[in-house]
């Protein structure tokens, strides 16, 4: 039996990634941009797992959403003083919206202060 997949030619430097260049690029990205980008990814993933990505979404995974919201709460709380209110305020608003959406989506709501991320943010009320 032979492998029908041809070997990959790595001698072409035009297609090979330049790892030195990539390393320099990430070093030039401001920390606030990295933090906010990660936060937006967590926000988006949590929203999808709450079924908020489209009307009548059939995808809901509250266990996954809880983990993502808790991670987002930790990131936003820990980095708020480092990224300034200008960047932290919209992230806090998005986080609170997700926490409220989670409470609404839960069949058995958590006690105040026990919801996802509330150990970092404190109880969330509508």
PDB file of N, CA and C in Angstrom:
ATOM      1  N   UNK A   1       0.849  -1.170   0.000  1.00  0.00           N
ATOM      2  CA  UNK A   1       0.000   0.000   0.000  1.00  0.00           C
ATOM      3  C   UNK A   1       0.892   1.229   0.000  1.00  0.00           C
ATOM      4  N   UNK A   2       0.622   2.156  -0.885  1.00  0.00           N
ATOM      5  CA  UNK A   2       1.428   3.362  -0.985  1.00  0.00           C
ATOM      6  C   UNK A   2       0.607   4.570  -0.596  1.00  0.00           C
ATOM      7  N   UNK A   3       1.303   5.578  -0.148  1.00  0.00           N
ATOM      8  CA  UNK A   3       0.658   6.829   0.227  1.00  0.00           C
ATOM      9  C   UNK A   3       0.517   7.675  -1.025  1.00  0.00           C
ATOM     10  N   UNK A   4      -0.707   8.030  -1.399  1.00  0.00           N
ATOM     11  CA  UNK A   4      -0.951   8.789  -2.617  1.00  0.00           C
ATOM     12  C   UNK A   4      -0.709  10.284  -2.429  1.00  0.00           C
ATOM     13  N   UNK A   5      -0.502  10.725  -1.216  1.00  0.00           N
ATOM     14  CA  UNK A   5      -0.270  12.141  -0.955  1.00  0.00           C
ATOM     15  C   UNK A   5       1.173  12.498  -1.289  1.00  0.00           C
ATOM     16  N   UNK A   6       1.359  13.454  -2.187  1.00  0.00           N
ATOM     17  CA  UNK A   6       2.730  13.833  -2.533  1.00  0.00           C
ATOM     18  C   UNK A   6       3.390  14.543  -1.354  1.00  0.00           C
ATOM     19  N   UNK A   7       4.701  14.399  -1.223  1.00  0.00           N
ATOM     20  CA  UNK A   7       5.392  15.081  -0.118  1.00  0.00           C
ATOM     21  C   UNK A   7       5.336  16.594  -0.295  1.00  0.00           C
ATOM     22  N   UNK A   8       5.291  17.296   0.800  1.00  0.00           N
ATOM     23  CA  UNK A   8       5.246  18.756   0.773  1.00  0.00           C
ATOM     24  C   UNK A   8       6.654  19.284   0.557  1.00  0.00           C
ATOM     25  N   UNK A   9       6.778  20.160  -0.422  1.00  0.00           N
ATOM     26  CA  UNK A   9       8.076  20.762  -0.724  1.00  0.00           C
ATOM     27  C   UNK A   9       8.256  21.986   0.161  1.00  0.00           C
ATOM     28  N   UNK A  10       9.146  21.888   1.125  1.00  0.00           N
ATOM     29  CA  UNK A  10       9.380  23.004   2.052  1.00  0.00           C
ATOM     30  C   UNK A  10      10.548  23.873   1.616  1.00  0.00           C
ATOM     31  N   UNK A  11      11.081  23.605   0.440  1.00  0.00           N
ATOM     32  CA  UNK A  11      12.232  24.383  -0.009  1.00  0.00           C
ATOM     33  C   UNK A  11      11.834  25.737  -0.574  1.00  0.00           C
ATOM     34  N   UNK A  12      10.567  25.922  -0.884  1.00  0.00           N
ATOM     35  CA  UNK A  12      10.090  27.188  -1.435  1.00  0.00           C
ATOM     36  C   UNK A  12       9.916  28.192  -0.301  1.00  0.00           C
ATOM     37  N   UNK A  13      10.824  29.133  -0.198  1.00  0.00           N
ATOM     38  CA  UNK A  13      10.776  30.095   0.909  1.00  0.00           C
ATOM     39  C   UNK A  13       9.618  31.074   0.787  1.00  0.00           C
ATOM     40  N   UNK A  14       9.012  31.190  -0.381  1.00  0.00           N
ATOM     41  CA  UNK A  14       7.889  32.108  -0.555  1.00  0.00           C
ATOM     42  C   UNK A  14       6.647  31.597   0.169  1.00  0.00           C
ATOM     43  N   UNK A  15       6.506  30.288   0.312  1.00  0.00           N
ATOM     44  CA  UNK A  15       5.318  29.751   0.978  1.00  0.00           C
ATOM     45  C   UNK A  15       5.580  29.387   2.429  1.00  0.00           C
ATOM     46  N   UNK A  16       6.821  29.261   2.808  1.00  0.00           N
ATOM     47  CA  UNK A  16       7.144  28.921   4.195  1.00  0.00           C
ATOM     48  C   UNK A  16       6.971  30.150   5.078  1.00  0.00           C
ATOM     49  N   UNK A  17       6.309  29.982   6.236  1.00  0.00           N
ATOM     50  CA  UNK A  17       6.130  31.138   7.121  1.00  0.00           C
ATOM     51  C   UNK A  17       7.464  31.617   7.689  1.00  0.00           C
ATOM     52  N   UNK A  18       7.573  32.902   7.825  1.00  0.00           N
ATOM     53  CA  UNK A  18       8.768  33.502   8.402  1.00  0.00           C
ATOM     54  C   UNK A  18       8.500  33.714   9.896  1.00  0.00           C
ATOM     55  N   UNK A  19       8.901  32.747  10.706  1.00  0.00           N
ATOM     56  CA  UNK A  19       8.589  32.780  12.133  1.00  0.00           C
ATOM     57  C   UNK A  19       9.257  33.956  12.845  1.00  0.00           C
ATOM     58  N   UNK A  20      10.418  34.363  12.385  1.00  0.00           N
ATOM     59  CA  UNK A  20      11.067  35.523  12.989  1.00  0.00           C
ATOM     60  C   UNK A  20      10.229  36.773  12.780  1.00  0.00           C
ATOM     61  N   UNK A  21       9.687  36.928  11.595  1.00  0.00           N
ATOM     62  CA  UNK A  21       8.841  38.083  11.291  1.00  0.00           C
ATOM     63  C   UNK A  21       7.552  38.040  12.116  1.00  0.00           C
ATOM     64  N   UNK A  22       6.968  36.855  12.248  1.00  0.00           N
ATOM     65  CA  UNK A  22       5.734  36.712  13.024  1.00  0.00           C
ATOM     66  C   UNK A  22       5.981  37.041  14.492  1.00  0.00           C
ATOM     67  N   UNK A  23       7.102  36.655  15.026  1.00  0.00           N
ATOM     68  CA  UNK A  23       7.442  36.940  16.416  1.00  0.00           C
ATOM     69  C   UNK A  23       7.591  38.436  16.631  1.00  0.00           C
ATOM     70  N   UNK A  24       8.220  39.096  15.728  1.00  0.00           N
ATOM     71  CA  UNK A  24       8.368  40.547  15.843  1.00  0.00           C
ATOM     72  C   UNK A  24       7.006  41.234  15.768  1.00  0.00           C
ATOM     73  N   UNK A  25       6.118  40.741  14.926  1.00  0.00           N
ATOM     74  CA  UNK A  25       4.804  41.360  14.793  1.00  0.00           C
ATOM     75  C   UNK A  25       4.016  41.297  16.105  1.00  0.00           C
ATOM     76  N   UNK A  26       3.980  40.145  16.737  1.00  0.00           N
ATOM     77  CA  UNK A  26       3.208  40.024  17.969  1.00  0.00           C
ATOM     78  C   UNK A  26       3.827  40.863  19.080  1.00  0.00           C
ATOM     79  N   UNK A  27       5.115  41.047  19.041  1.00  0.00           N
ATOM     80  CA  UNK A  27       5.777  41.880  20.046  1.00  0.00           C
ATOM     81  C   UNK A  27       5.395  43.350  19.888  1.00  0.00           C
ATOM     82  N   UNK A  28       4.995  43.732  18.696  1.00  0.00           N
ATOM     83  CA  UNK A  28       4.617  45.114  18.435  1.00  0.00           C
ATOM     84  C   UNK A  28       3.148  45.406  18.769  1.00  0.00           C
ATOM     85  N   UNK A  29       2.363  44.383  19.037  1.00  0.00           N
ATOM     86  CA  UNK A  29       0.943  44.576  19.334  1.00  0.00           C
ATOM     87  C   UNK A  29       0.807  45.032  20.781  1.00  0.00           C
ATOM     88  N   UNK A  30       0.131  46.162  21.006  1.00  0.00           N
ATOM     89  CA  UNK A  30      -0.046  46.645  22.383  1.00  0.00           C
ATOM     90  C   UNK A  30      -0.856  45.648  23.223  1.00  0.00           C
ATOM     91  N   UNK A  31      -0.508  45.545  24.481  1.00  0.00           N
ATOM     92  CA  UNK A  31      -1.185  44.613  25.385  1.00  0.00           C
ATOM     93  C   UNK A  31      -2.687  44.857  25.423  1.00  0.00           C
ATOM     94  N   UNK A  32      -3.111  46.109  25.395  1.00  0.00           N
ATOM     95  CA  UNK A  32      -4.543  46.406  25.447  1.00  0.00           C
ATOM     96  C   UNK A  32      -5.264  45.783  24.258  1.00  0.00           C
ATOM     97  N   UNK A  33      -4.624  45.742  23.117  1.00  0.00           N
ATOM     98  CA  UNK A  33      -5.244  45.135  21.934  1.00  0.00           C
ATOM     99  C   UNK A  33      -5.343  43.624  22.076  1.00  0.00           C
ATOM    100  N   UNK A  34      -4.320  43.007  22.619  1.00  0.00           N
ATOM    101  CA  UNK A  34      -4.352  41.561  22.840  1.00  0.00           C
ATOM    102  C   UNK A  34      -5.455  41.215  23.837  1.00  0.00           C
ATOM    103  N   UNK A  35      -5.519  41.954  24.934  1.00  0.00           N
ATOM    104  CA  UNK A  35      -6.521  41.687  25.970  1.00  0.00           C
ATOM    105  C   UNK A  35      -7.931  41.879  25.431  1.00  0.00           C
ATOM    106  N   UNK A  36      -8.174  42.968  24.734  1.00  0.00           N
ATOM    107  CA  UNK A  36      -9.528  43.202  24.217  1.00  0.00           C
ATOM    108  C   UNK A  36      -9.902  42.194  23.138  1.00  0.00           C
ATOM    109  N   UNK A  37      -8.942  41.765  22.339  1.00  0.00           N
ATOM    110  CA  UNK A  37      -9.222  40.762  21.315  1.00  0.00           C
ATOM    111  C   UNK A  37      -9.628  39.440  21.960  1.00  0.00           C
ATOM    112  N   UNK A  38      -8.902  39.028  22.968  1.00  0.00           N
ATOM    113  CA  UNK A  38      -9.249  37.794  23.682  1.00  0.00           C
ATOM    114  C   UNK A  38     -10.629  37.936  24.321  1.00  0.00           C
ATOM    115  N   UNK A  39     -10.899  39.080  24.917  1.00  0.00           N
ATOM    116  CA  UNK A  39     -12.197  39.312  25.553  1.00  0.00           C
ATOM    117  C   UNK A  39     -13.328  39.231  24.537  1.00  0.00           C
ATOM    118  N   UNK A  40     -13.136  39.794  23.359  1.00  0.00           N
ATOM    119  CA  UNK A  40     -14.176  39.743  22.323  1.00  0.00           C
ATOM    120  C   UNK A  40     -14.406  38.306  21.868  1.00  0.00           C
ATOM    121  N   UNK A  41     -13.348  37.520  21.766  1.00  0.00           N
ATOM    122  CA  UNK A  41     -13.511  36.105  21.410  1.00  0.00           C
ATOM    123  C   UNK A  41     -14.304  35.367  22.485  1.00  0.00           C
ATOM    124  N   UNK A  42     -14.017  35.634  23.749  1.00  0.00           N
ATOM    125  CA  UNK A  42     -14.765  35.008  24.836  1.00  0.00           C
ATOM    126  C   UNK A  42     -16.226  35.452  24.824  1.00  0.00           C
ATOM    127  N   UNK A  43     -16.457  36.742  24.600  1.00  0.00           N
ATOM    128  CA  UNK A  43     -17.826  37.260  24.496  1.00  0.00           C
ATOM    129  C   UNK A  43     -18.594  36.560  23.383  1.00  0.00           C
ATOM    130  N   UNK A  44     -17.978  36.472  22.224  1.00  0.00           N
ATOM    131  CA  UNK A  44     -18.634  35.857  21.058  1.00  0.00           C
ATOM    132  C   UNK A  44     -18.933  34.383  21.298  1.00  0.00           C
ATOM    133  N   UNK A  45     -17.960  33.656  21.816  1.00  0.00           N
ATOM    134  CA  UNK A  45     -18.154  32.226  22.064  1.00  0.00           C
ATOM    135  C   UNK A  45     -19.252  31.996  23.098  1.00  0.00           C
ATOM    136  N   UNK A  46     -19.277  32.802  24.144  1.00  0.00           N
ATOM    137  CA  UNK A  46     -20.315  32.666  25.167  1.00  0.00           C
ATOM    138  C   UNK A  46     -21.691  32.970  24.579  1.00  0.00           C
ATOM    139  N   UNK A  47     -21.776  34.004  23.750  1.00  0.00           N
ATOM    140  CA  UNK A  47     -23.056  34.360  23.130  1.00  0.00           C
ATOM    141  C   UNK A  47     -23.576  33.214  22.260  1.00  0.00           C
ATOM    142  N   UNK A  48     -22.690  32.599  21.500  1.00  0.00           N
ATOM    143  CA  UNK A  48     -23.090  31.467  20.659  1.00  0.00           C
ATOM    144  C   UNK A  48     -23.587  30.321  21.528  1.00  0.00           C
ATOM    145  N   UNK A  49     -22.888  30.035  22.624  1.00  0.00           N
ATOM    146  CA  UNK A  49     -23.301  28.949  23.500  1.00  0.00           C
ATOM    147  C   UNK A  49     -24.572  29.251  24.285  1.00  0.00           C
ATOM    148  N   UNK A  50     -24.942  30.512  24.357  1.00  0.00           N
ATOM    149  CA  UNK A  50     -26.225  30.888  24.963  1.00  0.00           C
ATOM    150  C   UNK A  50     -27.349  30.901  23.929  1.00  0.00           C
ATOM    151  N   UNK A  51     -26.999  30.672  22.664  1.00  0.00           N
ATOM    152  CA  UNK A  51     -27.997  30.680  21.605  1.00  0.00           C
ATOM    153  C   UNK A  51     -28.345  32.071  21.123  1.00  0.00           C
ATOM    154  N   UNK A  52     -27.468  33.042  21.371  1.00  0.00           N
ATOM    155  CA  UNK A  52     -27.752  34.431  21.001  1.00  0.00           C
ATOM    156  C   UNK A  52     -27.212  34.802  19.623  1.00  0.00           C
ATOM    157  N   UNK A  53     -26.604  33.854  18.930  1.00  0.00           N
ATOM    158  CA  UNK A  53     -25.946  34.170  17.663  1.00  0.00           C
ATOM    159  C   UNK A  53     -26.923  34.457  16.533  1.00  0.00           C
ATOM    160  N   UNK A  54     -28.129  33.896  16.581  1.00  0.00           N
ATOM    161  CA  UNK A  54     -29.129  34.156  15.552  1.00  0.00           C
ATOM    162  C   UNK A  54     -30.508  33.858  16.126  1.00  0.00           C
ATOM    163  N   UNK A  55     -31.530  34.460  15.543  1.00  0.00           N
ATOM    164  CA  UNK A  55     -32.882  34.191  16.032  1.00  0.00           C
ATOM    165  C   UNK A  55     -33.213  32.701  15.902  1.00  0.00           C
ATOM    166  N   UNK A  56     -33.896  32.165  16.858  1.00  0.00           N
ATOM    167  CA  UNK A  56     -34.298  30.757  16.877  1.00  0.00           C
ATOM    168  C   UNK A  56     -33.118  29.802  16.794  1.00  0.00           C
ATOM    169  N   UNK A  57     -32.007  30.186  17.364  1.00  0.00           N
ATOM    170  CA  UNK A  57     -30.836  29.312  17.382  1.00  0.00           C
ATOM    171  C   UNK A  57     -31.149  28.067  18.200  1.00  0.00           C
ATOM    172  N   UNK A  58     -30.784  26.938  17.661  1.00  0.00           N
ATOM    173  CA  UNK A  58     -31.017  25.684  18.368  1.00  0.00           C
ATOM    174  C   UNK A  58     -29.816  25.279  19.209  1.00  0.00           C
ATOM    175  N   UNK A  59     -28.718  26.008  19.067  1.00  0.00           N
ATOM    176  CA  UNK A  59     -27.509  25.649  19.806  1.00  0.00           C
ATOM    177  C   UNK A  59     -27.506  26.348  21.161  1.00  0.00           C
ATOM    178  N   UNK A  60     -27.527  25.547  22.201  1.00  0.00           N
ATOM    179  CA  UNK A  60     -27.382  26.062  23.560  1.00  0.00           C
ATOM    180  C   UNK A  60     -26.564  25.068  24.358  1.00  0.00           C
ATOM    181  N   UNK A  61     -25.528  25.554  24.971  1.00  0.00           N
ATOM    182  CA  UNK A  61     -24.710  24.730  25.854  1.00  0.00           C
ATOM    183  C   UNK A  61     -24.345  25.606  27.043  1.00  0.00           C
ATOM    184  N   UNK A  62     -25.195  25.567  28.058  1.00  0.00           N
ATOM    185  CA  UNK A  62     -25.024  26.453  29.199  1.00  0.00           C
ATOM    186  C   UNK A  62     -23.783  26.122  30.011  1.00  0.00           C
ATOM    187  N   UNK A  63     -23.365  24.867  30.011  1.00  0.00           N
ATOM    188  CA  UNK A  63     -22.143  24.508  30.733  1.00  0.00           C
ATOM    189  C   UNK A  63     -20.942  25.191  30.090  1.00  0.00           C
ATOM    190  N   UNK A  64     -20.860  25.141  28.774  1.00  0.00           N
ATOM    191  CA  UNK A  64     -19.770  25.818  28.066  1.00  0.00           C
ATOM    192  C   UNK A  64     -19.873  27.331  28.242  1.00  0.00           C
ATOM    193  N   UNK A  65     -21.094  27.866  28.156  1.00  0.00           N
ATOM    194  CA  UNK A  65     -21.293  29.310  28.322  1.00  0.00           C
ATOM    195  C   UNK A  65     -20.832  29.756  29.704  1.00  0.00           C
ATOM    196  N   UNK A  66     -21.135  28.977  30.731  1.00  0.00           N
ATOM    197  CA  UNK A  66     -20.722  29.317  32.105  1.00  0.00           C
ATOM    198  C   UNK A  66     -19.201  29.438  32.195  1.00  0.00           C
ATOM    199  N   UNK A  67     -18.492  28.485  31.604  1.00  0.00           N
ATOM    200  CA  UNK A  67     -17.021  28.509  31.638  1.00  0.00           C
ATOM    201  C   UNK A  67     -16.474  29.740  30.932  1.00  0.00           C
ATOM    202  N   UNK A  68     -17.028  30.041  29.767  1.00  0.00           N
ATOM    203  CA  UNK A  68     -16.557  31.191  28.987  1.00  0.00           C
ATOM    204  C   UNK A  68     -16.843  32.506  29.698  1.00  0.00           C
ATOM    205  N   UNK A  69     -18.024  32.626  30.285  1.00  0.00           N
ATOM    206  CA  UNK A  69     -18.396  33.851  30.996  1.00  0.00           C
ATOM    207  C   UNK A  69     -17.512  34.029  32.232  1.00  0.00           C
ATOM    208  N   UNK A  70     -17.239  32.952  32.933  1.00  0.00           N
ATOM    209  CA  UNK A  70     -16.363  33.039  34.105  1.00  0.00           C
ATOM    210  C   UNK A  70     -14.955  33.461  33.697  1.00  0.00           C
ATOM    211  N   UNK A  71     -14.446  32.887  32.607  1.00  0.00           N
ATOM    212  CA  UNK A  71     -13.114  33.276  32.118  1.00  0.00           C
ATOM    213  C   UNK A  71     -13.103  34.745  31.704  1.00  0.00           C
ATOM    214  N   UNK A  72     -14.163  35.192  31.041  1.00  0.00           N
ATOM    215  CA  UNK A  72     -14.265  36.591  30.634  1.00  0.00           C
ATOM    216  C   UNK A  72     -14.308  37.500  31.860  1.00  0.00           C
ATOM    217  N   UNK A  73     -15.074  37.130  32.861  1.00  0.00           N
ATOM    218  CA  UNK A  73     -15.173  37.944  34.077  1.00  0.00           C
ATOM    219  C   UNK A  73     -13.812  38.069  34.758  1.00  0.00           C
ATOM    220  N   UNK A  74     -13.084  36.977  34.815  1.00  0.00           N
ATOM    221  CA  UNK A  74     -11.754  37.021  35.415  1.00  0.00           C
ATOM    222  C   UNK A  74     -10.814  37.920  34.636  1.00  0.00           C
ATOM    223  N   UNK A  75     -10.844  37.797  33.314  1.00  0.00           N
ATOM    224  CA  UNK A  75      -9.981  38.620  32.460  1.00  0.00           C
ATOM    225  C   UNK A  75     -10.333  40.103  32.586  1.00  0.00           C
ATOM    226  N   UNK A  76     -11.593  40.426  32.487  1.00  0.00           N
ATOM    227  CA  UNK A  76     -12.018  41.828  32.548  1.00  0.00           C
ATOM    228  C   UNK A  76     -11.716  42.425  33.916  1.00  0.00           C
ATOM    229  N   UNK A  77     -11.996  41.689  34.975  1.00  0.00           N
ATOM    230  CA  UNK A  77     -11.750  42.191  36.326  1.00  0.00           C
ATOM    231  C   UNK A  77     -10.264  42.392  36.583  1.00  0.00           C
ATOM    232  N   UNK A  78      -9.466  41.415  36.179  1.00  0.00           N
ATOM    233  CA  UNK A  78      -8.023  41.492  36.430  1.00  0.00           C
ATOM    234  C   UNK A  78      -7.334  42.555  35.588  1.00  0.00           C
ATOM    235  N   UNK A  79      -7.841  42.800  34.395  1.00  0.00           N
ATOM    236  CA  UNK A  79      -7.145  43.719  33.494  1.00  0.00           C
ATOM    237  C   UNK A  79      -7.740  45.125  33.456  1.00  0.00           C
ATOM    238  N   UNK A  80      -8.839  45.356  34.134  1.00  0.00           N
ATOM    239  CA  UNK A  80      -9.530  46.644  34.047  1.00  0.00           C
ATOM    240  C   UNK A  80      -8.624  47.829  34.353  1.00  0.00           C
ATOM    241  N   UNK A  81      -7.808  47.718  35.376  1.00  0.00           N
ATOM    242  CA  UNK A  81      -6.935  48.848  35.721  1.00  0.00           C
ATOM    243  C   UNK A  81      -5.794  49.011  34.724  1.00  0.00           C
ATOM    244  N   UNK A  82      -5.472  47.955  34.014  1.00  0.00           N
ATOM    245  CA  UNK A  82      -4.372  48.008  33.049  1.00  0.00           C
ATOM    246  C   UNK A  82      -4.800  48.544  31.688  1.00  0.00           C
ATOM    247  N   UNK A  83      -6.066  48.339  31.325  1.00  0.00           N
ATOM    248  CA  UNK A  83      -6.509  48.725  29.975  1.00  0.00           C
ATOM    249  C   UNK A  83      -7.322  50.010  29.956  1.00  0.00           C
ATOM    250  N   UNK A  84      -7.567  50.612  31.058  1.00  0.00           N
ATOM    251  CA  UNK A  84      -8.294  51.880  31.222  1.00  0.00           C
ATOM    252  C   UNK A  84      -9.795  51.698  31.087  1.00  0.00           C
ATOM    253  N   UNK A  85     -10.522  52.638  31.626  1.00  0.00           N
ATOM    254  CA  UNK A  85     -11.988  52.608  31.591  1.00  0.00           C
ATOM    255  C   UNK A  85     -12.516  52.665  30.170  1.00  0.00           C
ATOM    256  N   UNK A  86     -11.798  53.355  29.310  1.00  0.00           N
ATOM    257  CA  UNK A  86     -12.210  53.485  27.913  1.00  0.00           C
ATOM    258  C   UNK A  86     -12.399  52.118  27.272  1.00  0.00           C
ATOM    259  N   UNK A  87     -11.517  51.180  27.556  1.00  0.00           N
ATOM    260  CA  UNK A  87     -11.602  49.844  26.989  1.00  0.00           C
ATOM    261  C   UNK A  87     -12.386  48.888  27.892  1.00  0.00           C
ATOM    262  N   UNK A  88     -12.280  49.060  29.195  1.00  0.00           N
ATOM    263  CA  UNK A  88     -12.907  48.124  30.128  1.00  0.00           C
ATOM    264  C   UNK A  88     -14.424  48.298  30.208  1.00  0.00           C
ATOM    265  N   UNK A  89     -14.920  49.516  30.098  1.00  0.00           N
ATOM    266  CA  UNK A  89     -16.360  49.758  30.268  1.00  0.00           C
ATOM    267  C   UNK A  89     -17.222  48.970  29.265  1.00  0.00           C
ATOM    268  N   UNK A  90     -16.907  48.990  27.969  1.00  0.00           N
ATOM    269  CA  UNK A  90     -17.731  48.192  27.052  1.00  0.00           C
ATOM    270  C   UNK A  90     -17.619  46.689  27.303  1.00  0.00           C
ATOM    271  N   UNK A  91     -16.458  46.247  27.747  1.00  0.00           N
ATOM    272  CA  UNK A  91     -16.301  44.824  28.060  1.00  0.00           C
ATOM    273  C   UNK A  91     -17.143  44.448  29.275  1.00  0.00           C
ATOM    274  N   UNK A  92     -17.176  45.330  30.266  1.00  0.00           N
ATOM    275  CA  UNK A  92     -18.027  45.090  31.445  1.00  0.00           C
ATOM    276  C   UNK A  92     -19.501  45.049  31.047  1.00  0.00           C
ATOM    277  N   UNK A  93     -19.904  45.958  30.164  1.00  0.00           N
ATOM    278  CA  UNK A  93     -21.299  45.969  29.700  1.00  0.00           C
ATOM    279  C   UNK A  93     -21.657  44.670  28.988  1.00  0.00           C
ATOM    280  N   UNK A  94     -20.769  44.222  28.113  1.00  0.00           N
ATOM    281  CA  UNK A  94     -21.003  42.962  27.402  1.00  0.00           C
ATOM    282  C   UNK A  94     -21.049  41.785  28.357  1.00  0.00           C
ATOM    283  N   UNK A  95     -20.158  41.785  29.334  1.00  0.00           N
ATOM    284  CA  UNK A  95     -20.128  40.729  30.337  1.00  0.00           C
ATOM    285  C   UNK A  95     -21.434  40.689  31.117  1.00  0.00           C
ATOM    286  N   UNK A  96     -21.893  41.843  31.557  1.00  0.00           N
ATOM    287  CA  UNK A  96     -23.148  41.898  32.320  1.00  0.00           C
ATOM    288  C   UNK A  96     -24.316  41.396  31.474  1.00  0.00           C
ATOM    289  N   UNK A  97     -24.339  41.762  30.208  1.00  0.00           N
ATOM    290  CA  UNK A  97     -25.403  41.294  29.317  1.00  0.00           C
ATOM    291  C   UNK A  97     -25.390  39.776  29.200  1.00  0.00           C
ATOM    292  N   UNK A  98     -24.201  39.197  29.090  1.00  0.00           N
ATOM    293  CA  UNK A  98     -24.094  37.735  29.015  1.00  0.00           C
ATOM    294  C   UNK A  98     -24.536  37.085  30.321  1.00  0.00           C
ATOM    295  N   UNK A  99     -24.148  37.684  31.442  1.00  0.00           N
ATOM    296  CA  UNK A  99     -24.541  37.124  32.738  1.00  0.00           C
ATOM    297  C   UNK A  99     -26.064  37.140  32.890  1.00  0.00           C
ATOM    298  N   UNK A 100     -26.694  38.228  32.463  1.00  0.00           N
ATOM    299  CA  UNK A 100     -28.153  38.309  32.541  1.00  0.00           C
ATOM    300  C   UNK A 100     -28.818  37.337  31.569  1.00  0.00           C
ATOM    301  N   UNK A 101     -28.254  37.198  30.373  1.00  0.00           N
ATOM    302  CA  UNK A 101     -28.782  36.250  29.393  1.00  0.00           C
ATOM    303  C   UNK A 101     -28.655  34.817  29.902  1.00  0.00           C
ATOM    304  N   UNK A 102     -27.557  34.529  30.585  1.00  0.00           N
ATOM    305  CA  UNK A 102     -27.376  33.200  31.159  1.00  0.00           C
ATOM    306  C   UNK A 102     -28.448  32.933  32.209  1.00  0.00           C
ATOM    307  N   UNK A 103     -28.678  33.916  33.077  1.00  0.00           N
ATOM    308  CA  UNK A 103     -29.690  33.759  34.125  1.00  0.00           C
ATOM    309  C   UNK A 103     -31.064  33.509  33.497  1.00  0.00           C
ATOM    310  N   UNK A 104     -31.356  34.227  32.435  1.00  0.00           N
ATOM    311  CA  UNK A 104     -32.642  34.078  31.749  1.00  0.00           C
ATOM    312  C   UNK A 104     -32.764  32.715  31.066  1.00  0.00           C
ATOM    313  N   UNK A 105     -31.666  32.203  30.525  1.00  0.00           N
ATOM    314  CA  UNK A 105     -31.683  30.933  29.794  1.00  0.00           C
ATOM    315  C   UNK A 105     -31.700  29.716  30.718  1.00  0.00           C
ATOM    316  N   UNK A 106     -31.304  29.905  31.966  1.00  0.00           N
ATOM    317  CA  UNK A 106     -31.213  28.774  32.896  1.00  0.00           C
ATOM    318  C   UNK A 106     -32.595  28.343  33.360  1.00  0.00           C
ATOM    319  N   UNK A 107     -32.796  27.041  33.375  1.00  0.00           N
ATOM    320  CA  UNK A 107     -34.055  26.500  33.880  1.00  0.00           C
ATOM    321  C   UNK A 107     -34.128  26.698  35.384  1.00  0.00           C
ATOM    322  N   UNK A 108     -33.018  26.458  36.063  1.00  0.00           N
ATOM    323  CA  UNK A 108     -32.916  26.682  37.509  1.00  0.00           C
ATOM    324  C   UNK A 108     -31.888  27.787  37.709  1.00  0.00           C
ATOM    325  N   UNK A 109     -32.345  29.025  37.880  1.00  0.00           N
ATOM    326  CA  UNK A 109     -31.405  30.141  38.017  1.00  0.00           C
ATOM    327  C   UNK A 109     -30.512  30.009  39.250  1.00  0.00           C
ATOM    328  N   UNK A 110     -29.289  30.481  39.104  1.00  0.00           N
ATOM    329  CA  UNK A 110     -28.348  30.511  40.225  1.00  0.00           C
ATOM    330  C   UNK A 110     -28.793  31.565  41.231  1.00  0.00           C
ATOM    331  N   UNK A 111     -28.397  31.357  42.474  1.00  0.00           N
ATOM    332  CA  UNK A 111     -28.624  32.371  43.503  1.00  0.00           C
ATOM    333  C   UNK A 111     -27.788  33.603  43.136  1.00  0.00           C
ATOM    334  N   UNK A 112     -28.229  34.813  43.516  1.00  0.00           N
ATOM    335  CA  UNK A 112     -27.411  35.998  43.261  1.00  0.00           C
ATOM    336  C   UNK A 112     -26.010  35.824  43.853  1.00  0.00           C
ATOM    337  N   UNK A 113     -25.025  36.113  43.036  1.00  0.00           N
ATOM    338  CA  UNK A 113     -23.643  35.959  43.451  1.00  0.00           C
ATOM    339  C   UNK A 113     -23.050  34.607  43.095  1.00  0.00           C
ATOM    340  N   UNK A 114     -23.882  33.674  42.639  1.00  0.00           N
ATOM    341  CA  UNK A 114     -23.424  32.327  42.303  1.00  0.00           C
ATOM    342  C   UNK A 114     -23.423  32.062  40.793  1.00  0.00           C
ATOM    343  N   UNK A 115     -23.846  33.033  40.003  1.00  0.00           N
ATOM    344  CA  UNK A 115     -23.888  32.872  38.552  1.00  0.00           C
ATOM    345  C   UNK A 115     -22.495  32.895  37.953  1.00  0.00           C
ATOM    346  N   UNK A 116     -22.406  32.656  36.655  1.00  0.00           N
ATOM    347  CA  UNK A 116     -21.087  32.623  36.016  1.00  0.00           C
ATOM    348  C   UNK A 116     -20.365  33.959  36.136  1.00  0.00           C
ATOM    349  N   UNK A 117     -19.160  33.904  36.644  1.00  0.00           N
ATOM    350  CA  UNK A 117     -18.324  35.093  36.761  1.00  0.00           C
ATOM    351  C   UNK A 117     -18.639  35.996  37.930  1.00  0.00           C
ATOM    352  N   UNK A 118     -19.707  35.702  38.666  1.00  0.00           N
ATOM    353  CA  UNK A 118     -20.116  36.601  39.745  1.00  0.00           C
ATOM    354  C   UNK A 118     -19.171  36.569  40.932  1.00  0.00           C
ATOM    355  N   UNK A 119     -18.319  35.557  41.015  1.00  0.00           N
ATOM    356  CA  UNK A 119     -17.325  35.587  42.096  1.00  0.00           C
ATOM    357  C   UNK A 119     -16.288  36.670  41.815  1.00  0.00           C
ATOM    358  N   UNK A 120     -16.194  37.118  40.556  1.00  0.00           N
ATOM    359  CA  UNK A 120     -15.273  38.211  40.200  1.00  0.00           C
ATOM    360  C   UNK A 120     -15.984  39.559  40.132  1.00  0.00           C
ATOM    361  N   UNK A 121     -17.246  39.556  39.703  1.00  0.00           N
ATOM    362  CA  UNK A 121     -17.954  40.809  39.468  1.00  0.00           C
ATOM    363  C   UNK A 121     -18.907  41.191  40.588  1.00  0.00           C
ATOM    364  N   UNK A 122     -19.250  40.235  41.423  1.00  0.00           N
ATOM    365  CA  UNK A 122     -20.303  40.457  42.403  1.00  0.00           C
ATOM    366  C   UNK A 122     -21.640  40.095  41.773  1.00  0.00           C
ATOM    367  N   UNK A 123     -22.717  40.072  42.565  1.00  0.00           N
ATOM    368  CA  UNK A 123     -24.026  39.701  42.035  1.00  0.00           C
ATOM    369  C   UNK A 123     -24.456  40.639  40.907  1.00  0.00           C
ATOM    370  N   UNK A 124     -25.128  40.067  39.925  1.00  0.00           N
ATOM    371  CA  UNK A 124     -25.614  40.837  38.779  1.00  0.00           C
ATOM    372  C   UNK A 124     -27.137  40.835  38.810  1.00  0.00           C
ATOM    373  N   UNK A 125     -27.712  42.015  38.760  1.00  0.00           N
ATOM    374  CA  UNK A 125     -29.161  42.167  38.770  1.00  0.00           C
ATOM    375  C   UNK A 125     -29.588  42.897  37.511  1.00  0.00           C
ATOM    376  N   UNK A 126     -30.811  42.632  37.077  1.00  0.00           N
ATOM    377  CA  UNK A 126     -31.330  43.275  35.856  1.00  0.00           C
ATOM    378  C   UNK A 126     -31.564  44.750  36.047  1.00  0.00           C
TER     379      UNK A 126
END
